[in-house]
Amino acid sequence: MITSRTMTILENTGLNEEILSRGTVTEALDIHFNQRYLGAVSMSLAASNPTTRYPYPFILSQPDVEAALEHVLNKRGTKVEFEREAISVEELKDYVEITLISGQRLKARYVVGCDGAHSLVRHSRKEWKFEGRPVNVIWAQCDGIIADPQVQTARGAFFVGSKGILYFISYLT
């Protein structure tokens, strides 16, 4: 799910246009409790923020976000490389120096860490604080395709019960 604020931030990269062309608007969130439907909540920000250019969150699978980012970078003449592991990131005055596991050193204007909570990029700056506490919750995520002609919209759904919570998003492909 890509939020309205994230879409606004991405405008200067051109990635917002890729997401608009590939993504699906999330219209609402359905809420269920103990196998009973309680109601729906609109995902629209139009009422609370009438000037926003992106009044709904967008759904786009992780592989599609990666393909969109690669497409935008390729159009700008930037080569995206995979299967390269960084072991150190050092911010210098005019550039960032990245050391790869192979020993190769690269200089770059920017580094993007897309490697999760234990990101080397995230932890390369001591002054960046990511405070919080562990939460005793089992979390799983799955991307899949539902081939159901009755699914005609992108909606989120919360299913809350005595054994836990399931959050589900259906969207058009």
N, C-alpha and C. Protein backbone atom coordinates (compact mmCIF):
# COMPACT_ATOMS: atom_id res chain seq x y z
N MET A 1 0.85 -1.17 0.00
CA MET A 1 0.00 0.00 0.00
C MET A 1 0.90 1.23 0.00
N ILE A 2 0.64 2.14 -0.89
CA ILE A 2 1.43 3.36 -1.03
C ILE A 2 0.52 4.53 -0.65
N THR A 3 0.91 5.26 0.39
CA THR A 3 0.07 6.31 0.95
C THR A 3 0.09 7.58 0.11
N SER A 4 -0.88 8.44 0.38
CA SER A 4 -0.98 9.74 -0.28
C SER A 4 0.30 10.55 -0.07
N ARG A 5 0.81 10.57 1.15
CA ARG A 5 2.03 11.34 1.45
C ARG A 5 3.23 10.79 0.68
N THR A 6 3.34 9.47 0.61
CA THR A 6 4.44 8.87 -0.15
C THR A 6 4.34 9.25 -1.62
N MET A 7 3.14 9.24 -2.18
CA MET A 7 2.95 9.63 -3.59
C MET A 7 3.42 11.06 -3.81
N THR A 8 3.11 11.95 -2.89
CA THR A 8 3.54 13.35 -3.01
C THR A 8 5.06 13.45 -2.97
N ILE A 9 5.69 12.70 -2.08
CA ILE A 9 7.15 12.71 -1.98
C ILE A 9 7.78 12.18 -3.26
N LEU A 10 7.15 11.20 -3.89
CA LEU A 10 7.71 10.58 -5.10
C LEU A 10 7.55 11.44 -6.36
N GLU A 11 6.81 12.53 -6.28
CA GLU A 11 6.58 13.36 -7.46
C GLU A 11 7.87 13.83 -8.12
N ASN A 12 8.87 14.20 -7.34
CA ASN A 12 10.10 14.72 -7.95
C ASN A 12 10.97 13.63 -8.56
N THR A 13 10.59 12.36 -8.41
CA THR A 13 11.35 11.27 -9.00
C THR A 13 10.71 10.72 -10.27
N GLY A 14 9.43 11.02 -10.46
CA GLY A 14 8.70 10.44 -11.58
C GLY A 14 8.11 9.08 -11.25
N LEU A 15 8.46 8.54 -10.09
CA LEU A 15 7.94 7.22 -9.72
C LEU A 15 6.44 7.28 -9.45
N ASN A 16 5.94 8.44 -9.05
CA ASN A 16 4.50 8.57 -8.81
C ASN A 16 3.70 8.28 -10.08
N GLU A 17 4.19 8.70 -11.23
CA GLU A 17 3.50 8.44 -12.50
C GLU A 17 3.48 6.95 -12.81
N GLU A 18 4.57 6.27 -12.51
CA GLU A 18 4.62 4.82 -12.73
C GLU A 18 3.61 4.12 -11.82
N ILE A 19 3.53 4.55 -10.58
CA ILE A 19 2.59 3.94 -9.64
C ILE A 19 1.15 4.23 -10.07
N LEU A 20 0.90 5.46 -10.51
CA LEU A 20 -0.44 5.80 -11.00
C LEU A 20 -0.84 4.92 -12.18
N SER A 21 0.10 4.64 -13.07
CA SER A 21 -0.23 3.87 -14.26
C SER A 21 -0.35 2.37 -13.97
N ARG A 22 0.29 1.89 -12.91
CA ARG A 22 0.30 0.46 -12.62
C ARG A 22 -0.55 0.09 -11.41
N GLY A 23 -0.74 1.02 -10.48
CA GLY A 23 -1.38 0.72 -9.20
C GLY A 23 -2.90 0.77 -9.26
N THR A 24 -3.51 0.40 -8.16
CA THR A 24 -4.96 0.38 -8.01
C THR A 24 -5.34 1.19 -6.78
N VAL A 25 -6.36 2.01 -6.90
CA VAL A 25 -6.85 2.80 -5.78
C VAL A 25 -7.51 1.90 -4.75
N THR A 26 -7.21 2.12 -3.47
CA THR A 26 -7.88 1.41 -2.39
C THR A 26 -9.04 2.26 -1.90
N GLU A 27 -10.24 1.80 -2.13
CA GLU A 27 -11.43 2.60 -1.85
C GLU A 27 -11.88 2.55 -0.40
N ALA A 28 -11.80 1.38 0.23
CA ALA A 28 -12.38 1.23 1.56
C ALA A 28 -11.72 0.09 2.32
N LEU A 29 -12.02 0.05 3.59
CA LEU A 29 -11.55 -0.99 4.48
C LEU A 29 -12.77 -1.61 5.16
N ASP A 30 -12.99 -2.89 4.94
CA ASP A 30 -14.11 -3.61 5.56
C ASP A 30 -13.63 -4.19 6.89
N ILE A 31 -14.48 -4.12 7.91
CA ILE A 31 -14.10 -4.59 9.24
C ILE A 31 -15.04 -5.73 9.66
N HIS A 32 -14.43 -6.85 10.09
CA HIS A 32 -15.15 -8.03 10.54
C HIS A 32 -14.67 -8.36 11.95
N PHE A 33 -15.58 -8.76 12.82
CA PHE A 33 -15.23 -9.15 14.18
C PHE A 33 -15.96 -10.44 14.52
N ASN A 34 -15.19 -11.45 14.93
CA ASN A 34 -15.76 -12.77 15.26
C ASN A 34 -16.72 -13.25 14.18
N GLN A 35 -16.28 -13.20 12.95
CA GLN A 35 -17.00 -13.69 11.77
C GLN A 35 -18.25 -12.89 11.43
N ARG A 36 -18.38 -11.69 11.97
CA ARG A 36 -19.51 -10.81 11.64
C ARG A 36 -18.99 -9.55 10.97
N TYR A 37 -19.62 -9.16 9.90
CA TYR A 37 -19.28 -7.92 9.20
C TYR A 37 -19.81 -6.74 10.02
N LEU A 38 -18.92 -5.80 10.39
CA LEU A 38 -19.34 -4.65 11.19
C LEU A 38 -19.59 -3.41 10.34
N GLY A 39 -18.87 -3.27 9.25
CA GLY A 39 -19.05 -2.09 8.41
C GLY A 39 -17.79 -1.79 7.62
N ALA A 40 -17.81 -0.64 6.95
CA ALA A 40 -16.69 -0.24 6.10
C ALA A 40 -16.27 1.17 6.45
N VAL A 41 -14.99 1.43 6.24
CA VAL A 41 -14.42 2.76 6.44
C VAL A 41 -13.86 3.21 5.10
N SER A 42 -14.24 4.39 4.65
CA SER A 42 -13.71 4.94 3.41
C SER A 42 -12.23 5.27 3.59
N MET A 43 -11.44 5.01 2.59
CA MET A 43 -10.01 5.33 2.62
C MET A 43 -9.73 6.70 2.00
N SER A 44 -10.77 7.40 1.59
CA SER A 44 -10.60 8.69 0.93
C SER A 44 -10.15 9.77 1.90
N LEU A 45 -9.18 10.56 1.47
CA LEU A 45 -8.73 11.72 2.23
C LEU A 45 -9.38 13.01 1.72
N ALA A 46 -10.25 12.89 0.73
CA ALA A 46 -10.83 14.07 0.08
C ALA A 46 -11.54 14.99 1.06
N ALA A 47 -12.25 14.44 2.02
CA ALA A 47 -13.00 15.28 2.97
C ALA A 47 -12.06 16.00 3.94
N SER A 48 -11.05 15.29 4.45
CA SER A 48 -10.14 15.89 5.43
C SER A 48 -9.03 16.72 4.80
N ASN A 49 -8.71 16.44 3.55
CA ASN A 49 -7.65 17.18 2.87
C ASN A 49 -8.05 17.37 1.41
N PRO A 50 -8.93 18.35 1.13
CA PRO A 50 -9.46 18.50 -0.22
C PRO A 50 -8.43 18.92 -1.26
N THR A 51 -7.25 19.36 -0.84
CA THR A 51 -6.23 19.79 -1.82
C THR A 51 -5.27 18.68 -2.22
N THR A 52 -5.36 17.51 -1.58
CA THR A 52 -4.42 16.44 -1.92
C THR A 52 -4.65 15.96 -3.34
N ARG A 53 -3.55 15.68 -4.02
CA ARG A 53 -3.63 15.17 -5.40
C ARG A 53 -3.86 13.65 -5.41
N TYR A 54 -3.66 13.02 -4.28
CA TYR A 54 -3.79 11.56 -4.18
C TYR A 54 -4.70 11.25 -2.99
N PRO A 55 -6.00 11.35 -3.17
CA PRO A 55 -6.91 11.19 -2.04
C PRO A 55 -7.09 9.76 -1.54
N TYR A 56 -6.54 8.79 -2.24
CA TYR A 56 -6.66 7.38 -1.83
C TYR A 56 -5.27 6.75 -1.80
N PRO A 57 -5.07 5.75 -0.94
CA PRO A 57 -3.83 4.97 -1.03
C PRO A 57 -3.87 4.08 -2.28
N PHE A 58 -2.71 3.75 -2.77
CA PHE A 58 -2.59 2.90 -3.95
C PHE A 58 -2.02 1.54 -3.55
N ILE A 59 -2.47 0.51 -4.24
CA ILE A 59 -1.97 -0.84 -4.05
C ILE A 59 -1.11 -1.19 -5.26
N LEU A 60 0.08 -1.66 -4.98
CA LEU A 60 0.97 -2.14 -6.03
C LEU A 60 1.89 -3.16 -5.38
N SER A 61 1.98 -4.36 -5.95
CA SER A 61 2.79 -5.42 -5.34
C SER A 61 4.26 -5.02 -5.31
N GLN A 62 5.01 -5.59 -4.38
CA GLN A 62 6.43 -5.28 -4.24
C GLN A 62 7.20 -5.50 -5.55
N PRO A 63 7.00 -6.62 -6.26
CA PRO A 63 7.72 -6.78 -7.53
C PRO A 63 7.36 -5.69 -8.55
N ASP A 64 6.11 -5.24 -8.54
CA ASP A 64 5.71 -4.17 -9.46
C ASP A 64 6.30 -2.82 -9.07
N VAL A 65 6.44 -2.56 -7.76
CA VAL A 65 7.09 -1.33 -7.30
C VAL A 65 8.56 -1.35 -7.73
N GLU A 66 9.21 -2.50 -7.55
CA GLU A 66 10.61 -2.62 -7.96
C GLU A 66 10.76 -2.43 -9.46
N ALA A 67 9.86 -3.01 -10.25
CA ALA A 67 9.92 -2.84 -11.72
C ALA A 67 9.69 -1.39 -12.10
N ALA A 68 8.77 -0.71 -11.43
CA ALA A 68 8.50 0.70 -11.71
C ALA A 68 9.72 1.55 -11.38
N LEU A 69 10.34 1.29 -10.24
CA LEU A 69 11.54 2.04 -9.85
C LEU A 69 12.67 1.80 -10.85
N GLU A 70 12.85 0.55 -11.24
CA GLU A 70 13.90 0.23 -12.21
C GLU A 70 13.62 0.93 -13.54
N HIS A 71 12.37 0.95 -13.98
CA HIS A 71 12.00 1.61 -15.23
C HIS A 71 12.32 3.11 -15.18
N VAL A 72 11.96 3.77 -14.08
CA VAL A 72 12.24 5.21 -13.92
C VAL A 72 13.75 5.46 -13.94
N LEU A 73 14.50 4.64 -13.21
CA LEU A 73 15.95 4.83 -13.16
C LEU A 73 16.60 4.54 -14.51
N ASN A 74 16.13 3.52 -15.22
CA ASN A 74 16.68 3.21 -16.55
C ASN A 74 16.43 4.36 -17.53
N LYS A 75 15.24 4.98 -17.46
CA LYS A 75 14.94 6.13 -18.33
C LYS A 75 15.90 7.28 -18.06
N ARG A 76 16.42 7.37 -16.85
CA ARG A 76 17.37 8.44 -16.49
C ARG A 76 18.82 8.03 -16.75
N GLY A 77 19.01 6.86 -17.33
CA GLY A 77 20.36 6.42 -17.65
C GLY A 77 21.09 5.74 -16.50
N THR A 78 20.37 5.35 -15.48
CA THR A 78 20.96 4.68 -14.33
C THR A 78 20.76 3.19 -14.46
N LYS A 79 21.83 2.46 -14.24
CA LYS A 79 21.78 1.00 -14.32
C LYS A 79 21.47 0.44 -12.92
N VAL A 80 20.47 -0.41 -12.84
CA VAL A 80 20.12 -1.07 -11.59
C VAL A 80 20.78 -2.44 -11.58
N GLU A 81 21.49 -2.73 -10.50
CA GLU A 81 22.18 -4.01 -10.39
C GLU A 81 21.62 -4.82 -9.23
N PHE A 82 21.50 -6.12 -9.43
CA PHE A 82 20.98 -7.01 -8.40
C PHE A 82 22.07 -7.98 -7.98
N GLU A 83 21.81 -8.71 -6.89
CA GLU A 83 22.73 -9.73 -6.38
C GLU A 83 24.10 -9.14 -6.04
N ARG A 84 24.11 -7.94 -5.46
CA ARG A 84 25.34 -7.30 -5.01
C ARG A 84 25.14 -6.94 -3.54
N GLU A 85 25.99 -7.43 -2.67
CA GLU A 85 25.80 -7.20 -1.23
C GLU A 85 26.79 -6.18 -0.71
N ALA A 86 26.26 -5.14 -0.08
CA ALA A 86 27.08 -4.12 0.56
C ALA A 86 27.43 -4.57 1.96
N ILE A 87 28.69 -4.32 2.37
CA ILE A 87 29.10 -4.66 3.74
C ILE A 87 29.44 -3.40 4.53
N SER A 88 29.58 -2.26 3.83
CA SER A 88 29.80 -1.01 4.55
C SER A 88 29.33 0.16 3.70
N VAL A 89 28.79 1.16 4.41
CA VAL A 89 28.31 2.39 3.78
C VAL A 89 28.89 3.54 4.60
N GLU A 90 29.62 4.44 3.92
CA GLU A 90 30.23 5.57 4.61
C GLU A 90 29.87 6.86 3.90
N GLU A 91 29.24 7.75 4.62
CA GLU A 91 28.88 9.05 4.05
C GLU A 91 30.08 9.98 4.18
N LEU A 92 30.56 10.47 3.04
CA LEU A 92 31.67 11.42 3.00
C LEU A 92 31.12 12.79 2.61
N LYS A 93 32.00 13.76 2.42
CA LYS A 93 31.53 15.14 2.20
C LYS A 93 30.65 15.28 0.95
N ASP A 94 31.08 14.74 -0.18
CA ASP A 94 30.36 14.96 -1.44
C ASP A 94 29.75 13.69 -2.03
N TYR A 95 29.95 12.56 -1.37
CA TYR A 95 29.43 11.31 -1.92
C TYR A 95 29.34 10.27 -0.82
N VAL A 96 28.80 9.12 -1.18
CA VAL A 96 28.71 7.98 -0.28
C VAL A 96 29.61 6.89 -0.86
N GLU A 97 30.40 6.27 -0.01
CA GLU A 97 31.25 5.17 -0.46
C GLU A 97 30.67 3.87 0.06
N ILE A 98 30.46 2.94 -0.87
CA ILE A 98 29.88 1.64 -0.55
C ILE A 98 30.95 0.58 -0.81
N THR A 99 31.17 -0.29 0.16
CA THR A 99 32.08 -1.41 -0.04
C THR A 99 31.23 -2.67 -0.20
N LEU A 100 31.45 -3.39 -1.29
CA LEU A 100 30.72 -4.62 -1.57
C LEU A 100 31.44 -5.80 -0.96
N ILE A 101 30.74 -6.91 -0.79
CA ILE A 101 31.32 -8.12 -0.22
C ILE A 101 32.49 -8.63 -1.07
N SER A 102 32.47 -8.30 -2.35
CA SER A 102 33.56 -8.69 -3.26
C SER A 102 34.83 -7.88 -3.02
N GLY A 103 34.72 -6.80 -2.22
CA GLY A 103 35.86 -5.91 -1.99
C GLY A 103 35.81 -4.66 -2.86
N GLN A 104 34.98 -4.70 -3.89
CA GLN A 104 34.84 -3.55 -4.78
C GLN A 104 34.27 -2.36 -4.01
N ARG A 105 34.78 -1.15 -4.31
CA ARG A 105 34.27 0.07 -3.69
C ARG A 105 33.59 0.92 -4.75
N LEU A 106 32.43 1.45 -4.39
CA LEU A 106 31.66 2.29 -5.30
C LEU A 106 31.43 3.64 -4.67
N LYS A 107 31.38 4.69 -5.51
CA LYS A 107 31.01 6.02 -5.05
C LYS A 107 29.65 6.35 -5.64
N ALA A 108 28.79 6.95 -4.82
CA ALA A 108 27.45 7.28 -5.28
C ALA A 108 26.98 8.57 -4.61
N ARG A 109 26.05 9.25 -5.28
CA ARG A 109 25.44 10.44 -4.66
C ARG A 109 24.41 10.02 -3.63
N TYR A 110 23.73 8.88 -3.87
CA TYR A 110 22.68 8.41 -2.98
C TYR A 110 22.81 6.91 -2.80
N VAL A 111 22.33 6.44 -1.66
CA VAL A 111 22.20 5.02 -1.41
C VAL A 111 20.79 4.79 -0.88
N VAL A 112 20.12 3.78 -1.42
CA VAL A 112 18.79 3.43 -0.97
C VAL A 112 18.87 2.05 -0.35
N GLY A 113 18.47 1.96 0.91
CA GLY A 113 18.47 0.67 1.60
C GLY A 113 17.09 0.06 1.54
N CYS A 114 16.97 -1.05 0.88
CA CYS A 114 15.68 -1.75 0.74
C CYS A 114 15.80 -3.14 1.35
N ASP A 115 16.48 -3.19 2.48
CA ASP A 115 16.77 -4.49 3.06
C ASP A 115 16.20 -4.65 4.46
N GLY A 116 15.11 -3.95 4.74
CA GLY A 116 14.33 -4.22 5.94
C GLY A 116 14.83 -3.56 7.22
N ALA A 117 14.30 -4.04 8.32
CA ALA A 117 14.53 -3.43 9.64
C ALA A 117 15.99 -3.49 10.06
N HIS A 118 16.73 -4.46 9.59
CA HIS A 118 18.13 -4.60 9.98
C HIS A 118 19.06 -4.06 8.88
N SER A 119 18.57 -3.11 8.12
CA SER A 119 19.26 -2.53 6.98
C SER A 119 20.64 -1.99 7.33
N LEU A 120 21.61 -2.36 6.53
CA LEU A 120 22.96 -1.81 6.66
C LEU A 120 22.93 -0.29 6.48
N VAL A 121 22.16 0.19 5.51
CA VAL A 121 22.04 1.63 5.28
C VAL A 121 21.42 2.30 6.50
N ARG A 122 20.34 1.75 7.01
CA ARG A 122 19.64 2.31 8.17
C ARG A 122 20.59 2.43 9.36
N HIS A 123 21.40 1.43 9.58
CA HIS A 123 22.27 1.41 10.76
C HIS A 123 23.66 2.00 10.49
N SER A 124 23.88 2.55 9.31
CA SER A 124 25.19 3.14 9.00
C SER A 124 25.37 4.51 9.64
N ARG A 125 24.29 5.11 10.09
CA ARG A 125 24.36 6.43 10.75
C ARG A 125 23.96 6.27 12.20
N LYS A 126 24.91 6.47 13.10
CA LYS A 126 24.66 6.29 14.54
C LYS A 126 23.58 7.24 15.06
N GLU A 127 23.49 8.45 14.48
CA GLU A 127 22.53 9.43 14.99
C GLU A 127 21.09 9.16 14.54
N TRP A 128 20.89 8.25 13.60
CA TRP A 128 19.53 7.89 13.20
C TRP A 128 18.96 6.95 14.24
N LYS A 129 17.91 7.38 14.87
CA LYS A 129 17.30 6.59 15.93
C LYS A 129 16.04 5.91 15.41
N PHE A 130 15.95 4.64 15.62
CA PHE A 130 14.76 3.87 15.28
C PHE A 130 14.32 3.20 16.57
N GLU A 131 13.71 4.03 17.41
CA GLU A 131 13.34 3.56 18.73
C GLU A 131 12.02 2.79 18.67
N GLY A 132 11.87 1.93 19.58
CA GLY A 132 10.65 1.14 19.66
C GLY A 132 10.87 -0.01 20.60
N ARG A 133 9.94 -0.91 20.59
CA ARG A 133 10.04 -2.07 21.46
C ARG A 133 9.50 -3.28 20.70
N PRO A 134 9.98 -4.44 21.04
CA PRO A 134 9.47 -5.64 20.39
C PRO A 134 7.98 -5.83 20.70
N VAL A 135 7.25 -6.33 19.74
CA VAL A 135 5.84 -6.62 19.92
C VAL A 135 5.67 -8.12 19.69
N ASN A 136 5.01 -8.79 20.59
CA ASN A 136 4.83 -10.23 20.50
C ASN A 136 3.68 -10.55 19.54
N VAL A 137 3.95 -10.35 18.25
CA VAL A 137 2.94 -10.58 17.22
C VAL A 137 3.58 -11.38 16.09
N ILE A 138 2.88 -12.38 15.63
CA ILE A 138 3.33 -13.12 14.46
C ILE A 138 2.77 -12.39 13.24
N TRP A 139 3.62 -12.09 12.29
CA TRP A 139 3.23 -11.32 11.12
C TRP A 139 3.65 -12.08 9.87
N ALA A 140 2.78 -12.16 8.91
CA ALA A 140 3.11 -12.80 7.65
C ALA A 140 2.52 -11.98 6.52
N GLN A 141 3.16 -12.01 5.39
CA GLN A 141 2.67 -11.29 4.22
C GLN A 141 2.77 -12.21 3.02
N CYS A 142 1.79 -12.09 2.13
CA CYS A 142 1.77 -12.92 0.94
C CYS A 142 1.20 -12.11 -0.21
N ASP A 143 1.83 -12.16 -1.34
CA ASP A 143 1.26 -11.60 -2.57
C ASP A 143 0.67 -12.75 -3.36
N GLY A 144 -0.52 -12.57 -3.87
CA GLY A 144 -1.16 -13.60 -4.67
C GLY A 144 -2.21 -13.00 -5.57
N ILE A 145 -2.74 -13.80 -6.42
CA ILE A 145 -3.77 -13.36 -7.36
C ILE A 145 -5.04 -14.16 -7.07
N ILE A 146 -6.14 -13.44 -6.92
CA ILE A 146 -7.44 -14.08 -6.74
C ILE A 146 -8.19 -13.96 -8.06
N ALA A 147 -8.45 -15.07 -8.66
CA ALA A 147 -9.15 -15.08 -9.95
C ALA A 147 -10.64 -15.21 -9.70
N ASP A 148 -11.25 -14.15 -9.22
CA ASP A 148 -12.67 -14.15 -8.90
C ASP A 148 -13.33 -12.99 -9.63
N PRO A 149 -14.21 -13.25 -10.58
CA PRO A 149 -14.83 -12.16 -11.33
C PRO A 149 -15.68 -11.24 -10.45
N GLN A 150 -16.01 -11.66 -9.23
CA GLN A 150 -16.79 -10.81 -8.34
C GLN A 150 -15.94 -9.72 -7.67
N VAL A 151 -14.61 -9.89 -7.68
CA VAL A 151 -13.72 -8.88 -7.11
C VAL A 151 -13.53 -7.79 -8.15
N GLN A 152 -14.16 -6.65 -7.93
CA GLN A 152 -14.14 -5.57 -8.92
C GLN A 152 -13.50 -4.29 -8.39
N THR A 153 -12.92 -4.34 -7.22
CA THR A 153 -12.39 -3.13 -6.62
C THR A 153 -11.23 -3.47 -5.70
N ALA A 154 -10.49 -2.48 -5.32
CA ALA A 154 -9.44 -2.68 -4.34
C ALA A 154 -9.98 -2.29 -2.98
N ARG A 155 -10.00 -3.24 -2.08
CA ARG A 155 -10.50 -2.99 -0.74
C ARG A 155 -9.61 -3.72 0.26
N GLY A 156 -9.49 -3.13 1.40
CA GLY A 156 -8.82 -3.80 2.50
C GLY A 156 -9.87 -4.42 3.39
N ALA A 157 -9.47 -5.42 4.16
CA ALA A 157 -10.40 -6.04 5.10
C ALA A 157 -9.64 -6.47 6.34
N PHE A 158 -10.18 -6.12 7.49
CA PHE A 158 -9.66 -6.59 8.77
C PHE A 158 -10.60 -7.66 9.29
N PHE A 159 -10.05 -8.80 9.65
CA PHE A 159 -10.80 -9.87 10.29
C PHE A 159 -10.20 -10.03 11.68
N VAL A 160 -10.96 -9.70 12.70
CA VAL A 160 -10.49 -9.77 14.08
C VAL A 160 -11.27 -10.87 14.78
N GLY A 161 -10.53 -11.75 15.47
CA GLY A 161 -11.17 -12.84 16.20
C GLY A 161 -10.35 -13.21 17.41
N SER A 162 -10.77 -14.22 18.11
CA SER A 162 -10.10 -14.63 19.35
C SER A 162 -8.70 -15.17 19.11
N LYS A 163 -8.42 -15.64 17.90
CA LYS A 163 -7.11 -16.22 17.60
C LYS A 163 -6.15 -15.24 16.94
N GLY A 164 -6.62 -14.02 16.62
CA GLY A 164 -5.72 -13.06 16.02
C GLY A 164 -6.41 -12.16 15.01
N ILE A 165 -5.59 -11.54 14.19
CA ILE A 165 -6.06 -10.56 13.22
C ILE A 165 -5.52 -10.94 11.84
N LEU A 166 -6.35 -10.81 10.84
CA LEU A 166 -5.95 -10.99 9.45
C LEU A 166 -6.28 -9.70 8.72
N TYR A 167 -5.29 -9.16 8.01
CA TYR A 167 -5.52 -7.99 7.17
C TYR A 167 -5.34 -8.44 5.74
N PHE A 168 -6.29 -8.14 4.91
CA PHE A 168 -6.32 -8.64 3.54
C PHE A 168 -6.62 -7.49 2.59
N ILE A 169 -5.93 -7.45 1.47
CA ILE A 169 -6.20 -6.43 0.45
C ILE A 169 -6.46 -7.15 -0.86
N SER A 170 -7.59 -6.86 -1.47
CA SER A 170 -7.87 -7.41 -2.80
C SER A 170 -7.75 -6.28 -3.80
N TYR A 171 -7.21 -6.58 -4.96
CA TYR A 171 -7.07 -5.54 -5.96
C TYR A 171 -7.11 -6.13 -7.36
N LEU A 172 -7.39 -5.26 -8.30
CA LEU A 172 -7.48 -5.66 -9.69
C LEU A 172 -6.09 -5.84 -10.27
N THR A 173 -5.96 -6.79 -11.20
CA THR A 173 -4.67 -6.99 -11.86
C THR A 173 -4.82 -6.70 -13.34
